[in-house]
Protein backbone atom coordinates (compact mmCIF):
# COMPACT_ATOMS: atom_id res chain seq x y z
CA MET A 1 25.67 62.44 86.70
CA PHE A 2 26.30 59.52 87.87
CA TYR A 3 24.50 56.19 88.01
CA LEU A 4 23.67 53.43 89.14
CA VAL A 5 20.74 50.74 86.74
CA SER A 6 19.68 48.12 87.81
CA TYR A 7 17.40 45.20 86.44
CA ASP A 8 15.22 41.97 86.52
CA ILE A 9 13.68 40.79 83.83
CA PRO A 10 12.56 37.65 83.84
CA ASP A 11 12.74 37.05 80.16
CA ASP A 12 15.59 35.89 78.60
CA ARG A 13 15.18 37.86 75.42
CA ARG A 14 14.32 41.13 77.38
CA ARG A 15 16.83 40.58 79.43
CA THR A 16 19.54 39.98 76.59
CA ARG A 17 18.28 43.45 74.53
CA LEU A 18 17.88 46.01 78.35
CA ALA A 19 21.82 44.55 79.17
CA LYS A 20 22.51 45.94 75.31
CA ILE A 21 20.69 48.57 75.71
CA ILE A 22 22.54 49.49 79.05
CA LYS A 23 25.96 48.74 77.43
CA ASP A 24 25.10 51.67 75.13
CA PHE A 25 24.72 54.04 77.95
CA GLY A 26 27.69 52.58 80.81
CA ASP A 27 29.85 50.00 82.49
CA ARG A 28 28.12 46.53 83.98
CA VAL A 29 30.33 46.39 86.94
CA GLN A 30 27.93 43.25 87.87
CA TYR A 31 25.22 40.79 86.09
CA SER A 32 22.18 42.67 86.36
CA VAL A 33 23.79 46.17 87.49
CA PHE A 34 25.67 49.04 85.16
CA GLU A 35 27.63 52.63 86.14
CA CYS A 36 26.44 55.50 84.21
CA ASN A 37 28.16 58.98 83.92
CA LEU A 38 25.21 60.80 81.75
CA ASP A 39 23.70 63.81 81.38
CA GLY A 40 20.58 64.93 81.01
CA ASN A 41 19.93 64.00 77.53
CA LEU A 42 21.18 60.94 77.34
CA LEU A 43 19.38 59.79 80.78
CA ASP A 44 16.13 61.23 78.61
CA GLU A 45 17.60 58.78 75.62
CA MET A 46 18.71 55.92 78.03
CA ILE A 47 15.35 55.80 79.86
CA ALA A 48 13.12 55.98 76.88
CA ARG A 49 14.83 52.98 75.17
CA ILE A 50 14.23 51.13 78.29
CA GLU A 51 10.49 51.93 78.52
CA LYS A 52 10.42 50.35 74.92
CA THR A 53 12.24 47.63 75.74
CA VAL A 54 10.56 46.14 79.42
CA ASP A 55 7.08 44.60 80.05
CA GLN A 56 5.76 47.09 82.32
CA ASP A 57 3.60 44.06 84.11
CA GLU A 58 6.31 41.54 84.70
CA ASP A 59 9.74 43.54 84.79
CA SER A 60 11.86 45.56 86.81
CA VAL A 61 14.37 48.39 86.13
CA ARG A 62 15.52 50.81 89.14
CA VAL A 63 17.33 53.96 87.56
CA TYR A 64 19.50 55.56 90.76
CA ALA A 65 21.36 59.18 90.85
CA LEU A 66 24.37 59.41 93.15
CA CYS A 67 25.47 63.24 93.71
CA ALA A 68 29.47 63.40 93.54
CA ALA A 69 29.23 63.24 97.69
CA CYS A 70 27.64 59.49 97.33
CA GLU A 71 29.27 58.22 94.15
CA ARG A 72 33.00 59.64 95.78
CA VAL A 73 32.61 57.55 99.45
CA ILE A 74 31.66 54.00 97.32
CA ARG A 75 33.61 51.37 98.53
CA ILE A 76 34.03 48.61 97.24
CA ILE A 77 34.89 45.20 98.71
CA GLY A 78 36.83 42.76 96.68
CA THR A 79 37.21 43.51 92.53
CA GLY A 80 36.73 46.49 90.60
CA GLU A 81 36.74 49.93 90.52
CA VAL A 82 34.48 52.23 89.85
CA THR A 83 32.57 53.72 86.10
CA LYS A 84 35.94 57.03 85.70
CA ASP A 85 33.87 59.36 83.06
CA ARG A 86 35.99 58.74 79.74
CA ASP A 87 37.31 61.73 78.32
CA VAL A 88 37.30 60.12 75.01
CA TYR A 89 34.09 57.84 73.74
CA ILE A 90 34.48 55.53 70.36
CA LEU A 91 30.59 54.84 69.13
């Protein structure tokens, strides 16, 4: 499934930690926006790691699921391309 993850974190240290976590699961497309192709297990793992990092009273993280039909009609104006599912992952 294709997910769009965005965040608004006022604390620099937490924001940097969160960006590193999400980068383990997807590609940064803007400063605080990532595109991720995840199965259910990876989604659960990502969310668990995010929940351990954020301050529930100050931070905002949003994870939007996009169906295959929605993913096909994403429009990019300017530079960039939609993240594609990779056949090979190097960790």
